[in-house]
C-alpha atoms as a PDB file:
ATOM      1  CA  MET A   1       0.000   0.000   0.000  1.00  0.00           C
ATOM      2  CA  ASP A   2       2.901   2.361   0.758  1.00  0.00           C
ATOM      3  CA  TYR A   3       4.237   1.879  -2.756  1.00  0.00           C
ATOM      4  CA  LEU A   4       0.795   2.459  -4.279  1.00  0.00           C
ATOM      5  CA  ASN A   5       0.462   5.684  -2.291  1.00  0.00           C
ATOM      6  CA  THR A   6       3.938   6.725  -3.468  1.00  0.00           C
ATOM      7  CA  PHE A   7       2.899   6.049  -7.064  1.00  0.00           C
ATOM      8  CA  VAL A   8      -0.347   8.033  -6.791  1.00  0.00           C
ATOM      9  CA  ASN A   9       1.188  10.898  -4.810  1.00  0.00           C
ATOM     10  CA  SER A  10       4.002  11.198  -7.348  1.00  0.00           C
ATOM     11  CA  TYR A  11       1.575  11.931 -10.158  1.00  0.00           C
ATOM     12  CA  ALA A  12      -0.327  14.474  -8.082  1.00  0.00           C
ATOM     13  CA  GLY A  13       2.838  16.056  -6.750  1.00  0.00           C
ATOM     14  CA  TYR A  14       4.512  16.333 -10.136  1.00  0.00           C
ATOM     15  CA  ALA A  15       1.383  17.729 -11.791  1.00  0.00           C
ATOM     16  CA  ASN A  16       1.245  20.390  -9.091  1.00  0.00           C
ATOM     17  CA  TYR A  17       4.957  21.059  -9.594  1.00  0.00           C
ATOM     18  CA  LEU A  18       4.426  21.586 -13.323  1.00  0.00           C
ATOM     19  CA  TRP A  19       1.562  23.997 -12.684  1.00  0.00           C
ATOM     20  CA  GLN A  20       3.705  25.977 -10.255  1.00  0.00           C
ATOM     21  CA  GLU A  21       6.550  26.034 -12.810  1.00  0.00           C
ATOM     22  CA  PHE A  22       4.305  27.505 -15.491  1.00  0.00           C
ATOM     23  CA  THR A  23       2.501  30.043 -13.307  1.00  0.00           C
ATOM     24  CA  HIS A  24       5.152  31.165 -10.772  1.00  0.00           C
ATOM     25  CA  PRO A  25       8.444  32.316 -12.347  1.00  0.00           C
ATOM     26  CA  HIS A  26      11.314  32.470  -9.827  1.00  0.00           C
ATOM     27  CA  TRP A  27      15.098  31.957  -9.726  1.00  0.00           C
ATOM     28  CA  GLY A  28      14.726  28.251  -8.969  1.00  0.00           C
ATOM     29  CA  ASN A  29      12.219  27.708 -11.778  1.00  0.00           C
ATOM     30  CA  TYR A  30      13.650  25.118 -14.165  1.00  0.00           C
ATOM     31  CA  PHE A  31      11.016  25.683 -16.880  1.00  0.00           C
ATOM     32  CA  TYR A  32      11.975  29.315 -17.436  1.00  0.00           C
ATOM     33  CA  TRP A  33      15.684  28.588 -17.021  1.00  0.00           C
ATOM     34  CA  LEU A  34      15.350  26.060 -19.850  1.00  0.00           C
ATOM     35  CA  ILE A  35      13.687  28.679 -22.050  1.00  0.00           C
ATOM     36  CA  ALA A  36      16.245  31.347 -21.107  1.00  0.00           C
ATOM     37  CA  VAL A  37      19.272  29.134 -21.786  1.00  0.00           C
ATOM     38  CA  SER A  38      17.767  27.986 -25.099  1.00  0.00           C
ATOM     39  CA  ALA A  39      16.987  31.581 -26.165  1.00  0.00           C
ATOM     40  CA  PHE A  40      20.539  32.655 -25.266  1.00  0.00           C
ATOM     41  CA  PHE A  41      22.213  30.066 -27.476  1.00  0.00           C
ATOM     42  CA  PHE A  42      19.690  30.580 -30.271  1.00  0.00           C
ATOM     43  CA  MET A  43      20.599  34.287 -30.220  1.00  0.00           C
ATOM     44  CA  LEU A  44      24.315  33.433 -30.445  1.00  0.00           C
ATOM     45  CA  GLU A  45      23.615  31.153 -33.404  1.00  0.00           C
ATOM     46  CA  ILE A  46      21.873  34.028 -35.166  1.00  0.00           C
ATOM     47  CA  LEU A  47      24.507  36.661 -34.345  1.00  0.00           C
ATOM     48  CA  ALA A  48      27.672  34.588 -34.888  1.00  0.00           C
ATOM     49  CA  PRO A  49      26.960  31.279 -36.635  1.00  0.00           C
ATOM     50  CA  TRP A  50      29.790  28.800 -37.148  1.00  0.00           C
ATOM     51  CA  ARG A  51      28.146  27.355 -40.293  1.00  0.00           C
ATOM     52  CA  LYS A  52      27.018  30.582 -41.957  1.00  0.00           C
ATOM     53  CA  GLY A  53      25.078  28.841 -44.725  1.00  0.00           C
ATOM     54  CA  GLN A  54      22.919  26.831 -42.328  1.00  0.00           C
ATOM     55  CA  PRO A  55      19.320  28.111 -41.961  1.00  0.00           C
ATOM     56  CA  ARG A  56      18.439  29.774 -38.654  1.00  0.00           C
ATOM     57  CA  PHE A  57      15.547  27.370 -38.316  1.00  0.00           C
ATOM     58  CA  ARG A  58      17.522  24.346 -39.443  1.00  0.00           C
ATOM     59  CA  LYS A  59      16.101  21.007 -40.515  1.00  0.00           C
ATOM     60  CA  ASP A  60      13.864  19.469 -37.801  1.00  0.00           C
ATOM     61  CA  PHE A  61      14.268  22.536 -35.533  1.00  0.00           C
ATOM     62  CA  TRP A  62      10.632  22.431 -34.403  1.00  0.00           C
ATOM     63  CA  LEU A  63      10.811  18.683 -33.786  1.00  0.00           C
ATOM     64  CA  ASP A  64      13.728  19.303 -31.435  1.00  0.00           C
ATOM     65  CA  PHE A  65      11.835  22.181 -29.841  1.00  0.00           C
ATOM     66  CA  PHE A  66       9.000  19.767 -28.987  1.00  0.00           C
ATOM     67  CA  TYR A  67      11.505  17.232 -27.641  1.00  0.00           C
ATOM     68  CA  MET A  68      12.721  19.918 -25.252  1.00  0.00           C
ATOM     69  CA  PHE A  69       9.383  20.017 -23.439  1.00  0.00           C
ATOM     70  CA  PHE A  70       8.551  16.348 -23.855  1.00  0.00           C
ATOM     71  CA  ASN A  71      11.776  14.922 -22.445  1.00  0.00           C
ATOM     72  CA  PHE A  72      12.140  17.414 -19.601  1.00  0.00           C
ATOM     73  CA  PHE A  73       8.500  17.754 -18.563  1.00  0.00           C
ATOM     74  CA  LEU A  74       5.735  15.748 -20.242  1.00  0.00           C
ATOM     75  CA  PHE A  75       7.410  12.333 -20.092  1.00  0.00           C
ATOM     76  CA  SER A  76       8.072  12.772 -16.389  1.00  0.00           C
ATOM     77  CA  LEU A  77       4.381  13.474 -15.825  1.00  0.00           C
ATOM     78  CA  VAL A  78       3.132  10.659 -18.046  1.00  0.00           C
ATOM     79  CA  ALA A  79       5.296   7.830 -16.803  1.00  0.00           C
ATOM     80  CA  TYR A  80       8.763   8.311 -15.435  1.00  0.00           C
ATOM     81  CA  GLN A  81       8.216  10.341 -12.267  1.00  0.00           C
ATOM     82  CA  ALA A  82       5.834   7.956 -10.508  1.00  0.00           C
ATOM     83  CA  VAL A  83       7.762   4.825 -11.462  1.00  0.00           C
ATOM     84  CA  SER A  84      11.034   6.459 -10.428  1.00  0.00           C
ATOM     85  CA  ASP A  85       9.709   7.418  -6.985  1.00  0.00           C
ATOM     86  CA  VAL A  86       8.571   3.832  -6.371  1.00  0.00           C
ATOM     87  CA  VAL A  87      11.997   2.465  -7.365  1.00  0.00           C
ATOM     88  CA  VAL A  88      13.763   5.036  -5.183  1.00  0.00           C
ATOM     89  CA  LYS A  89      11.635   4.137  -2.179  1.00  0.00           C
ATOM     90  CA  PHE A  90      12.197   0.416  -2.747  1.00  0.00           C
ATOM     91  CA  PHE A  91      15.954   0.935  -3.082  1.00  0.00           C
ATOM     92  CA  ASN A  92      16.186   3.017   0.100  1.00  0.00           C
ATOM     93  CA  ASP A  93      14.013   0.590   2.052  1.00  0.00           C
ATOM     94  CA  THR A  94      16.105  -2.361   0.876  1.00  0.00           C
ATOM     95  CA  ILE A  95      19.403  -0.727   1.861  1.00  0.00           C
ATOM     96  CA  LEU A  96      17.980   0.256   5.235  1.00  0.00           C
ATOM     97  CA  SER A  97      16.560  -3.208   5.987  1.00  0.00           C
ATOM     98  CA  PHE A  98      19.762  -5.082   5.091  1.00  0.00           C
ATOM     99  CA  SER A  99      22.393  -2.728   6.442  1.00  0.00           C
ATOM    100  CA  GLY A 100      20.587  -0.315   8.746  1.00  0.00           C
ATOM    101  CA  PHE A 101      22.253   2.503   6.805  1.00  0.00           C
ATOM    102  CA  ASP A 102      20.051   5.520   6.154  1.00  0.00           C
ATOM    103  CA  LEU A 103      21.253   7.184   2.943  1.00  0.00           C
ATOM    104  CA  GLN A 104      19.684  10.506   3.847  1.00  0.00           C
ATOM    105  CA  ARG A 105      20.779  10.842   7.470  1.00  0.00           C
ATOM    106  CA  SER A 106      24.026   8.877   7.769  1.00  0.00           C
ATOM    107  CA  ASN A 107      25.854   9.955   4.637  1.00  0.00           C
ATOM    108  CA  PRO A 108      29.251  11.605   5.344  1.00  0.00           C
ATOM    109  CA  MET A 109      28.588  14.018   2.458  1.00  0.00           C
ATOM    110  CA  ASN A 110      26.147  15.769   4.778  1.00  0.00           C
ATOM    111  CA  GLN A 111      29.175  17.208   6.587  1.00  0.00           C
ATOM    112  CA  PHE A 112      30.798  18.599   3.442  1.00  0.00           C
ATOM    113  CA  PRO A 113      30.465  22.268   2.410  1.00  0.00           C
ATOM    114  CA  PHE A 114      27.888  22.848  -0.298  1.00  0.00           C
ATOM    115  CA  TRP A 115      30.466  23.641  -3.003  1.00  0.00           C
ATOM    116  CA  ALA A 116      32.193  20.291  -2.369  1.00  0.00           C
ATOM    117  CA  VAL A 117      28.882  18.399  -2.582  1.00  0.00           C
ATOM    118  CA  LEU A 118      28.127  20.053  -5.921  1.00  0.00           C
ATOM    119  CA  LEU A 119      31.625  19.495  -7.318  1.00  0.00           C
ATOM    120  CA  ILE A 120      31.797  15.823  -6.302  1.00  0.00           C
ATOM    121  CA  GLY A 121      28.235  15.191  -7.450  1.00  0.00           C
ATOM    122  CA  PHE A 122      28.914  16.840 -10.817  1.00  0.00           C
ATOM    123  CA  VAL A 123      32.136  14.886 -11.491  1.00  0.00           C
ATOM    124  CA  VAL A 124      30.664  11.540 -10.391  1.00  0.00           C
ATOM    125  CA  ARG A 125      27.488  12.055 -12.420  1.00  0.00           C
ATOM    126  CA  ASP A 126      29.420  13.090 -15.531  1.00  0.00           C
ATOM    127  CA  PHE A 127      31.729  10.056 -15.225  1.00  0.00           C
ATOM    128  CA  VAL A 128      28.765   7.685 -14.884  1.00  0.00           C
ATOM    129  CA  GLN A 129      27.018   9.348 -17.820  1.00  0.00           C
ATOM    130  CA  TRP A 130      30.161   9.040 -19.951  1.00  0.00           C
ATOM    131  CA  TRP A 131      30.187   5.266 -19.483  1.00  0.00           C
ATOM    132  CA  THR A 132      26.430   5.108 -20.017  1.00  0.00           C
ATOM    133  CA  HIS A 133      26.848   7.021 -23.267  1.00  0.00           C
ATOM    134  CA  ARG A 134      29.472   4.519 -24.425  1.00  0.00           C
ATOM    135  CA  LEU A 135      27.047   1.727 -23.546  1.00  0.00           C
ATOM    136  CA  LEU A 136      24.366   3.311 -25.754  1.00  0.00           C
ATOM    137  CA  HIS A 137      26.778   3.064 -28.673  1.00  0.00           C
ATOM    138  CA  ARG A 138      28.214  -0.369 -27.861  1.00  0.00           C
ATOM    139  CA  SER A 139      24.932  -2.220 -27.259  1.00  0.00           C
ATOM    140  CA  LYS A 140      23.030  -2.990 -30.474  1.00  0.00           C
ATOM    141  CA  PHE A 141      19.739  -2.907 -28.546  1.00  0.00           C
ATOM    142  CA  LEU A 142      20.401   0.454 -26.899  1.00  0.00           C
ATOM    143  CA  TRP A 143      21.905   1.950 -30.056  1.00  0.00           C
ATOM    144  CA  GLU A 144      18.517   1.656 -31.772  1.00  0.00           C
ATOM    145  CA  PHE A 145      17.112   4.104 -29.189  1.00  0.00           C
ATOM    146  CA  HIS A 146      20.183   6.338 -29.315  1.00  0.00           C
ATOM    147  CA  LYS A 147      19.816   6.664 -33.092  1.00  0.00           C
ATOM    148  CA  ILE A 148      17.120   9.283 -32.405  1.00  0.00           C
ATOM    149  CA  HIS A 149      19.764  11.668 -31.097  1.00  0.00           C
ATOM    150  CA  HIS A 150      22.108  10.886 -33.979  1.00  0.00           C
ATOM    151  CA  SER A 151      19.397  11.444 -36.578  1.00  0.00           C
ATOM    152  CA  VAL A 152      20.264  15.157 -36.434  1.00  0.00           C
ATOM    153  CA  GLU A 153      21.522  16.224 -39.874  1.00  0.00           C
ATOM    154  CA  GLU A 154      22.030  19.928 -39.148  1.00  0.00           C
ATOM    155  CA  MET A 155      23.495  20.767 -35.766  1.00  0.00           C
ATOM    156  CA  GLY A 156      22.079  23.414 -33.449  1.00  0.00           C
ATOM    157  CA  PHE A 157      21.485  23.961 -29.719  1.00  0.00           C
ATOM    158  CA  ALA A 158      18.080  22.210 -29.741  1.00  0.00           C
ATOM    159  CA  ALA A 159      19.692  19.003 -31.053  1.00  0.00           C
ATOM    160  CA  HIS A 160      20.850  18.520 -27.468  1.00  0.00           C
ATOM    161  CA  LEU A 161      17.237  17.866 -26.520  1.00  0.00           C
ATOM    162  CA  ARG A 162      16.377  15.283 -29.194  1.00  0.00           C
ATOM    163  CA  PHE A 163      16.656  11.853 -27.608  1.00  0.00           C
ATOM    164  CA  HIS A 164      14.425   8.823 -27.119  1.00  0.00           C
ATOM    165  CA  TRP A 165      12.440   8.680 -23.863  1.00  0.00           C
ATOM    166  CA  MET A 166      14.108   5.332 -23.114  1.00  0.00           C
ATOM    167  CA  GLU A 167      17.382   7.209 -22.645  1.00  0.00           C
ATOM    168  CA  THR A 168      15.869   9.046 -19.677  1.00  0.00           C
ATOM    169  CA  ILE A 169      15.104   5.710 -18.048  1.00  0.00           C
ATOM    170  CA  ILE A 170      18.540   4.265 -18.864  1.00  0.00           C
ATOM    171  CA  TYR A 171      20.544   7.273 -17.661  1.00  0.00           C
ATOM    172  CA  ARG A 172      18.507   7.841 -14.488  1.00  0.00           C
ATOM    173  CA  THR A 173      18.496   4.151 -13.570  1.00  0.00           C
ATOM    174  CA  ILE A 174      22.275   3.822 -13.876  1.00  0.00           C
ATOM    175  CA  GLU A 175      23.178   7.158 -12.284  1.00  0.00           C
ATOM    176  CA  TYR A 176      20.741   6.913  -9.377  1.00  0.00           C
ATOM    177  CA  LEU A 177      22.779   4.488  -7.248  1.00  0.00           C
ATOM    178  CA  PRO A 178      26.017   6.523  -7.054  1.00  0.00           C
ATOM    179  CA  LEU A 179      24.118   9.794  -6.624  1.00  0.00           C
ATOM    180  CA  ALA A 180      21.933   8.285  -3.886  1.00  0.00           C
ATOM    181  CA  LEU A 181      25.019   6.958  -2.110  1.00  0.00           C
ATOM    182  CA  LEU A 182      26.450  10.471  -2.246  1.00  0.00           C
ATOM    183  CA  GLY A 183      23.246  11.753  -0.659  1.00  0.00           C
ATOM    184  CA  LEU A 184      22.518  14.359  -3.338  1.00  0.00           C
ATOM    185  CA  GLY A 185      19.242  16.149  -2.823  1.00  0.00           C
ATOM    186  CA  LEU A 186      16.807  17.607  -5.348  1.00  0.00           C
ATOM    187  CA  TYR A 187      18.215  21.145  -5.014  1.00  0.00           C
ATOM    188  CA  ASP A 188      21.785  19.866  -5.477  1.00  0.00           C
ATOM    189  CA  PHE A 189      20.696  18.007  -8.593  1.00  0.00           C
ATOM    190  CA  PHE A 190      18.896  21.108  -9.905  1.00  0.00           C
ATOM    191  CA  ILE A 191      22.068  23.225  -9.781  1.00  0.00           C
ATOM    192  CA  ILE A 192      24.220  20.497 -11.350  1.00  0.00           C
ATOM    193  CA  HIS A 193      21.652  19.824 -14.050  1.00  0.00           C
ATOM    194  CA  LEU A 194      21.271  23.516 -14.900  1.00  0.00           C
ATOM    195  CA  PHE A 195      25.027  23.800 -15.442  1.00  0.00           C
ATOM    196  CA  THR A 196      25.210  20.622 -17.561  1.00  0.00           C
ATOM    197  CA  LEU A 197      22.141  21.750 -19.535  1.00  0.00           C
ATOM    198  CA  SER A 198      23.961  24.959 -20.478  1.00  0.00           C
ATOM    199  CA  VAL A 199      27.125  23.117 -21.498  1.00  0.00           C
ATOM    200  CA  GLY A 200      25.058  20.578 -23.470  1.00  0.00           C
ATOM    201  CA  HIS A 201      23.337  23.399 -25.373  1.00  0.00           C
ATOM    202  CA  TYR A 202      26.747  24.942 -26.049  1.00  0.00           C
ATOM    203  CA  ASN A 203      28.201  21.642 -27.346  1.00  0.00           C
ATOM    204  CA  HIS A 204      25.440  21.307 -29.931  1.00  0.00           C
ATOM    205  CA  SER A 205      25.222  24.983 -30.907  1.00  0.00           C
ATOM    206  CA  ASN A 206      26.124  26.374 -34.306  1.00  0.00           C
ATOM    207  CA  ILE A 207      28.824  28.577 -32.789  1.00  0.00           C
ATOM    208  CA  THR A 208      32.561  28.417 -32.191  1.00  0.00           C
ATOM    209  CA  VAL A 209      34.153  30.101 -29.183  1.00  0.00           C
ATOM    210  CA  PRO A 210      37.899  30.486 -28.413  1.00  0.00           C
ATOM    211  CA  GLY A 211      39.183  28.696 -25.333  1.00  0.00           C
ATOM    212  CA  ARG A 212      40.152  31.969 -23.660  1.00  0.00           C
ATOM    213  CA  VAL A 213      36.529  33.126 -23.843  1.00  0.00           C
ATOM    214  CA  THR A 214      35.098  29.922 -22.343  1.00  0.00           C
ATOM    215  CA  GLY A 215      37.890  29.955 -19.762  1.00  0.00           C
ATOM    216  CA  GLY A 216      36.906  33.510 -18.870  1.00  0.00           C
ATOM    217  CA  VAL A 217      33.267  32.445 -18.465  1.00  0.00           C
ATOM    218  CA  ILE A 218      34.219  29.654 -16.043  1.00  0.00           C
ATOM    219  CA  GLY A 219      36.569  31.985 -14.179  1.00  0.00           C
ATOM    220  CA  GLY A 220      33.840  34.620 -13.983  1.00  0.00           C
ATOM    221  CA  LEU A 221      31.366  32.102 -12.524  1.00  0.00           C
ATOM    222  CA  ILE A 222      33.913  31.082  -9.883  1.00  0.00           C
ATOM    223  CA  GLY A 223      34.583  34.743  -9.130  1.00  0.00           C
ATOM    224  CA  LEU A 224      30.853  35.411  -8.790  1.00  0.00           C
ATOM    225  CA  VAL A 225      30.459  32.561  -6.294  1.00  0.00           C
ATOM    226  CA  ILE A 226      33.347  33.952  -4.239  1.00  0.00           C
ATOM    227  CA  ALA A 227      32.031  37.518  -4.458  1.00  0.00           C
ATOM    228  CA  ILE A 228      28.548  36.673  -3.179  1.00  0.00           C
ATOM    229  CA  SER A 229      29.772  33.953  -0.759  1.00  0.00           C
ATOM    230  CA  GLY A 230      27.577  31.385  -2.487  1.00  0.00           C
ATOM    231  CA  PHE A 231      27.566  27.610  -1.988  1.00  0.00           C
ATOM    232  CA  ASP A 232      29.315  27.926   1.425  1.00  0.00           C
ATOM    233  CA  VAL A 233      32.360  29.648  -0.112  1.00  0.00           C
ATOM    234  CA  ASN A 234      33.198  32.154   2.624  1.00  0.00           C
ATOM    235  CA  LEU A 235      36.456  33.752   1.516  1.00  0.00           C
ATOM    236  CA  LEU A 236      35.305  37.359   1.830  1.00  0.00           C
ATOM    237  CA  SER A 237      33.883  39.127   4.862  1.00  0.00           C
ATOM    238  CA  SER A 238      31.247  41.773   4.076  1.00  0.00           C
ATOM    239  CA  PRO A 239      32.830  42.839   0.762  1.00  0.00           C
ATOM    240  CA  SER A 240      31.876  46.139  -0.831  1.00  0.00           C
ATOM    241  CA  ILE A 241      30.249  46.297  -4.275  1.00  0.00           C
ATOM    242  CA  LEU A 242      33.547  47.490  -5.714  1.00  0.00           C
ATOM    243  CA  THR A 243      35.359  44.493  -4.192  1.00  0.00           C
ATOM    244  CA  GLN A 244      32.757  42.109  -5.561  1.00  0.00           C
ATOM    245  CA  PHE A 245      33.091  43.539  -9.068  1.00  0.00           C
ATOM    246  CA  GLY A 246      36.875  43.295  -8.720  1.00  0.00           C
ATOM    247  CA  VAL A 247      36.703  39.629  -7.712  1.00  0.00           C
ATOM    248  CA  VAL A 248      34.463  38.768 -10.670  1.00  0.00           C
ATOM    249  CA  ALA A 249      36.702  40.711 -13.087  1.00  0.00           C
ATOM    250  CA  GLY A 250      39.768  39.022 -11.609  1.00  0.00           C
ATOM    251  CA  GLY A 251      38.085  35.636 -12.025  1.00  0.00           C
ATOM    252  CA  ILE A 252      37.369  36.366 -15.700  1.00  0.00           C
ATOM    253  CA  ALA A 253      40.980  37.444 -16.325  1.00  0.00           C
ATOM    254  CA  ALA A 254      42.462  34.493 -14.421  1.00  0.00           C
ATOM    255  CA  GLY A 255      40.153  32.007 -16.094  1.00  0.00           C
ATOM    256  CA  SER A 256      40.962  33.377 -19.529  1.00  0.00           C
ATOM    257  CA  MET A 257      44.731  33.227 -18.991  1.00  0.00           C
ATOM    258  CA  LEU A 258      45.041  30.077 -16.868  1.00  0.00           C
ATOM    259  CA  LEU A 259      42.148  27.911 -18.072  1.00  0.00           C
ATOM    260  CA  GLY A 260      41.853  29.213 -21.637  1.00  0.00           C
ATOM    261  CA  PRO A 261      44.670  27.151 -23.186  1.00  0.00           C
ATOM    262  CA  PHE A 262      43.323  23.952 -21.596  1.00  0.00           C
ATOM    263  CA  MET A 263      39.565  24.363 -22.009  1.00  0.00           C
ATOM    264  CA  LYS A 264      39.352  22.010 -25.009  1.00  0.00           C
ATOM    265  CA  TYR A 265      40.844  19.262 -22.829  1.00  0.00           C
ATOM    266  CA  ILE A 266      38.605  19.989 -19.829  1.00  0.00           C
ATOM    267  CA  PHE A 267      35.154  20.739 -21.264  1.00  0.00           C
ATOM    268  CA  ASN A 268      33.321  19.459 -24.305  1.00  0.00           C
ATOM    269  CA  SER A 269      32.817  21.937 -27.155  1.00  0.00           C
ATOM    270  CA  PRO A 270      31.020  22.293 -30.526  1.00  0.00           C
ATOM    271  CA  GLU A 271      34.318  21.652 -32.309  1.00  0.00           C
ATOM    272  CA  MET A 272      34.737  18.375 -30.434  1.00  0.00           C
ATOM    273  CA  HIS A 273      31.141  17.191 -30.249  1.00  0.00           C
ATOM    274  CA  ILE A 274      30.461  17.663 -33.968  1.00  0.00           C
ATOM    275  CA  TRP A 275      32.748  14.672 -34.549  1.00  0.00           C
ATOM    276  CA  HIS A 276      30.662  12.527 -32.224  1.00  0.00           C
ATOM    277  CA  HIS A 277      27.778  13.049 -34.671  1.00  0.00           C
ATOM    278  CA  ALA A 278      29.894  12.400 -37.781  1.00  0.00           C
ATOM    279  CA  TYR A 279      28.364  10.132 -40.435  1.00  0.00           C
ATOM    280  CA  GLU A 280      31.611   8.176 -40.791  1.00  0.00           C
ATOM    281  CA  MET A 281      33.558   6.913 -37.773  1.00  0.00           C
ATOM    282  CA  PRO A 282      37.315   6.157 -37.744  1.00  0.00           C
ATOM    283  CA  GLU A 283      38.112   2.573 -38.717  1.00  0.00           C
ATOM    284  CA  ASP A 284      39.494   1.797 -35.259  1.00  0.00           C
ATOM    285  CA  ARG A 285      36.526   3.447 -33.485  1.00  0.00           C
ATOM    286  CA  GLN A 286      33.434   2.148 -35.249  1.00  0.00           C
ATOM    287  CA  TYR A 287      31.373   2.420 -32.046  1.00  0.00           C
ATOM    288  CA  GLY A 288      32.006   6.137 -31.699  1.00  0.00           C
ATOM    289  CA  ILE A 289      34.324   8.868 -30.443  1.00  0.00           C
ATOM    290  CA  ASN A 290      34.093  11.915 -28.166  1.00  0.00           C
ATOM    291  CA  PHE A 291      31.494  10.517 -25.746  1.00  0.00           C
ATOM    292  CA  GLY A 292      31.791  13.364 -23.234  1.00  0.00           C
ATOM    293  CA  LEU A 293      28.582  15.092 -22.192  1.00  0.00           C
ATOM    294  CA  THR A 294      30.059  17.963 -20.196  1.00  0.00           C
ATOM    295  CA  LEU A 295      33.687  17.092 -19.452  1.00  0.00           C
ATOM    296  CA  ALA A 296      36.131  16.160 -22.208  1.00  0.00           C
ATOM    297  CA  ILE A 297      38.748  14.739 -19.826  1.00  0.00           C
ATOM    298  CA  TRP A 298      37.295  11.215 -19.881  1.00  0.00           C
ATOM    299  CA  ASP A 299      37.734  10.961 -23.656  1.00  0.00           C
ATOM    300  CA  TYR A 300      41.338  12.090 -23.470  1.00  0.00           C
ATOM    301  CA  PHE A 301      42.056   9.787 -20.521  1.00  0.00           C
ATOM    302  CA  PHE A 302      40.475   6.718 -22.166  1.00  0.00           C
ATOM    303  CA  LYS A 303      41.804   7.657 -25.629  1.00  0.00           C
ATOM    304  CA  THR A 304      38.434   8.082 -27.350  1.00  0.00           C
ATOM    305  CA  ALA A 305      39.017  11.762 -28.218  1.00  0.00           C
ATOM    306  CA  ARG A 306      39.343  12.597 -31.918  1.00  0.00           C
ATOM    307  CA  ILE A 307      39.334  15.987 -33.688  1.00  0.00           C
ATOM    308  CA  PRO A 308      40.969  15.239 -37.070  1.00  0.00           C
ATOM    309  CA  PHE A 309      40.365  18.744 -38.483  1.00  0.00           C
ATOM    310  CA  ASN A 310      37.845  21.590 -38.417  1.00  0.00           C
ATOM    311  CA  GLY A 311      34.652  19.589 -38.798  1.00  0.00           C
ATOM    312  CA  LYS A 312      32.055  22.321 -39.138  1.00  0.00           C
ATOM    313  CA  ASP A 313      30.930  21.084 -42.577  1.00  0.00           C
ATOM    314  CA  ILE A 314      31.206  17.303 -42.141  1.00  0.00           C
ATOM    315  CA  ARG A 315      28.213  15.090 -42.881  1.00  0.00           C
ATOM    316  CA  LEU A 316      26.205  14.117 -39.806  1.00  0.00           C
ATOM    317  CA  GLY A 317      24.106  11.059 -39.010  1.00  0.00           C
ATOM    318  CA  PHE A 318      24.673   7.364 -39.709  1.00  0.00           C
ATOM    319  CA  PRO A 319      24.323   4.918 -42.627  1.00  0.00           C
ATOM    320  CA  LYS A 320      20.758   4.678 -43.995  1.00  0.00           C
ATOM    321  CA  ILE A 321      19.717   7.863 -42.193  1.00  0.00           C
ATOM    322  CA  GLU A 322      17.662   8.801 -45.228  1.00  0.00           C
ATOM    323  CA  GLN A 323      15.303   5.929 -44.291  1.00  0.00           C
ATOM    324  CA  PHE A 324      14.963   7.083 -40.665  1.00  0.00           C
ATOM    325  CA  PRO A 325      11.516   8.379 -39.577  1.00  0.00           C
ATOM    326  CA  HIS A 326      11.158  12.140 -39.078  1.00  0.00           C
ATOM    327  CA  SER A 327       7.909  12.263 -37.088  1.00  0.00           C
ATOM    328  CA  PHE A 328       7.907  12.282 -33.294  1.00  0.00           C
ATOM    329  CA  VAL A 329       5.335   9.466 -33.019  1.00  0.00           C
ATOM    330  CA  LYS A 330       7.359   7.073 -35.174  1.00  0.00           C
ATOM    331  CA  GLN A 331      10.567   7.988 -33.371  1.00  0.00           C
ATOM    332  CA  ALA A 332       8.920   7.429 -29.971  1.00  0.00           C
ATOM    333  CA  PHE A 333       8.262   3.781 -30.867  1.00  0.00           C
ATOM    334  CA  PHE A 334      11.498   3.287 -32.770  1.00  0.00           C
ATOM    335  CA  GLY A 335      13.867   0.676 -31.338  1.00  0.00           C
ATOM    336  CA  PHE A 336      11.280  -1.801 -30.061  1.00  0.00           C
ATOM    337  CA  LYS A 337      11.252  -3.844 -33.235  1.00  0.00           C
ATOM    338  CA  LYS A 338      13.764  -4.818 -35.861  1.00  0.00           C
ATOM    339  CA  GLU A 339      14.017  -2.667 -38.963  1.00  0.00           C
END
């Protein structure tokens, strides 16, 4: 009965959450953050496109736009949220009954400063997702679902959002255990996910940005956290506005000079990710290259990183892509039967 109540309450709770998201804009509102981040990168694509001959509203743009709301909102309401809550409760109850260990109350991460929780959670999640992404390419069964994402033939920010709903289940199922063991809460996950959403949009965007610029952005974000004493970073005591501006400016300068030359090895980028979507794979890497979602370091460490040359005009997709369905309904059921 407890699990049935969890199932029913999840639907009601998530429906109420969606209504609040639509009707009550605020700084922690993921719905409007998603729109804002998407609008920002769309504006950059219009002002400074990497592929200047590509249409602003590229092929399948509106399909990807629908995927944005379906994958991040509608699918959770229709199926995933309630089932996920039941699985989470079962997992926690099982761990507690066998070991007596309460993941929420006894986790040592509860004693860490907030910035450390976010940093560890982000790195662990990205590492797990990197291996999950490789699995999607290596497994013939899972690759059929992942083909939806690789059916993009003209790259743009919204391509980040085109993926089969089964991928949500696969990623969340695999990543839940390590994140639960770390004791990450919903708010922690929100901050991490907002950052990775922005980087994911950037990776798929029709833009190219020098490493010193992206390094300056990261440095500026770190400077901003220090300036406002956010995430339990208490390095300044009652700083003036002038000091805060100075710290942010210093962070931008330091990030540009120190991180800039290494950004392509640390974070994923459009120049790197375009090769992940290439129509033709290297002969020794037929299952794919450049699997990084946010961080590029895993690909360089495990030797799956490849950027042969400037790939802005390479063909995207996979063999027989011309036979692949273009409607959302057909794509939603794709992968459950042999071609």
